[in-house]
Protein backbone atom coordinates (compact mmCIF):
# COMPACT_ATOMS: atom_id res chain seq x y z
CA MET A 1 -3.85 -7.01 18.62
CA GLU A 2 -5.45 -5.81 15.11
CA PRO A 3 -3.45 -3.48 13.24
CA SER A 4 -4.66 0.09 12.85
CA PRO A 5 -4.43 2.21 9.28
CA GLU A 6 -1.34 4.19 10.88
CA ASP A 7 0.59 0.70 11.59
CA LEU A 8 -0.06 -0.47 8.13
CA LYS A 9 0.95 3.06 6.51
CA ARG A 10 4.33 2.64 8.68
CA TYR A 11 5.03 -0.65 7.65
CA ILE A 12 4.80 0.07 3.91
CA ALA A 13 6.61 3.35 4.08
CA GLN A 14 9.40 1.55 5.85
CA SER A 15 10.01 -1.00 2.79
CA LEU A 16 8.64 1.14 0.01
CA ASP A 17 10.29 4.57 -1.03
CA CYS A 18 6.72 6.26 -1.27
CA GLU A 19 5.62 9.76 -2.34
CA ARG A 20 2.27 9.22 -0.50
CA VAL A 21 0.74 6.78 1.66
CA GLU A 22 -2.96 6.71 2.77
CA VAL A 23 -4.71 4.05 4.57
CA ASP A 24 -8.01 3.49 5.93
CA GLY A 25 -9.99 0.46 7.63
CA ASP A 26 -11.19 -1.13 10.65
CA GLY A 27 -8.45 -3.35 11.56
CA ARG A 28 -9.11 -6.29 9.65
CA HIS A 29 -10.35 -4.49 6.19
CA PHE A 30 -8.12 -1.66 4.83
CA GLN A 31 -8.04 0.41 1.77
CA ALA A 32 -4.67 1.85 0.70
CA LEU A 33 -3.43 4.28 -1.68
CA ILE A 34 0.35 4.03 -2.56
CA VAL A 35 2.21 6.55 -4.30
CA SER A 36 5.73 5.29 -5.42
CA ALA A 37 8.08 5.78 -8.12
CA GLN A 38 9.03 2.18 -7.52
CA PHE A 39 6.02 1.17 -9.34
CA ALA A 40 7.17 2.50 -12.44
CA GLY A 41 7.50 0.10 -15.34
CA ARG A 42 5.67 -2.56 -13.30
CA ASN A 43 1.84 -3.89 -13.88
CA ARG A 44 -0.78 -4.02 -11.49
CA VAL A 45 -0.03 -7.63 -9.83
CA ALA A 46 3.81 -6.62 -9.54
CA ARG A 47 2.83 -3.22 -7.90
CA HIS A 48 0.66 -5.49 -5.34
CA GLN A 49 3.57 -7.71 -4.98
CA LEU A 50 5.81 -5.06 -3.72
CA VAL A 51 3.16 -3.96 -1.04
CA TYR A 52 2.25 -7.58 -0.12
CA ALA A 53 6.44 -8.04 0.41
CA ALA A 54 6.19 -4.68 2.44
CA LEU A 55 3.72 -6.17 4.71
CA GLY A 56 5.21 -9.62 4.82
CA ASP A 57 3.52 -12.25 7.32
CA ARG A 58 1.28 -9.53 8.63
CA MET A 59 -0.87 -10.02 4.97
CA ARG A 60 -1.35 -13.76 6.63
CA GLU A 61 -1.86 -13.33 10.17
CA GLU A 62 -3.23 -9.87 10.99
CA ILE A 63 -4.75 -8.19 7.81
CA HIS A 64 -7.78 -10.04 6.53
CA ALA A 65 -8.62 -7.76 3.43
CA LEU A 66 -6.51 -5.20 1.69
CA SER A 67 -7.77 -3.14 -1.30
CA ILE A 68 -4.52 -1.56 -2.84
CA ARG A 69 -4.42 1.46 -5.19
CA ALA A 70 -0.65 1.52 -6.34
CA VAL A 71 0.35 4.25 -8.68
CA THR A 72 3.40 6.23 -9.68
CA PRO A 73 3.76 9.79 -8.89
CA GLU A 74 2.97 10.79 -12.75
CA GLU A 75 -0.19 8.74 -12.52
CA TYR A 76 -1.31 10.27 -9.38
CA ARG A 77 -0.84 13.82 -10.60
CA GLU A 78 -3.12 12.75 -13.72
CA LEU A 79 -5.78 11.20 -11.14
CA GLU A 80 -5.81 14.59 -9.27
CA GLY A 81 -6.08 16.38 -12.31
């Protein structure tokens, strides 16, 4: 069974302390916006690694592609302007 965007949202929120999680996708390809203070002081690769860790084996077994936008709450406020 392919995961839904809501499934991914739940998996991420269970492992990361998030201010906001938005996930769109078709069951194999997903796009995620994750806003978390845990990203502070981390580069893009380290942020993505936190998300991959939250998803665990699902990244290899269930999710074909995931586009991640991982930002801190401050960065998100700047984006929303």
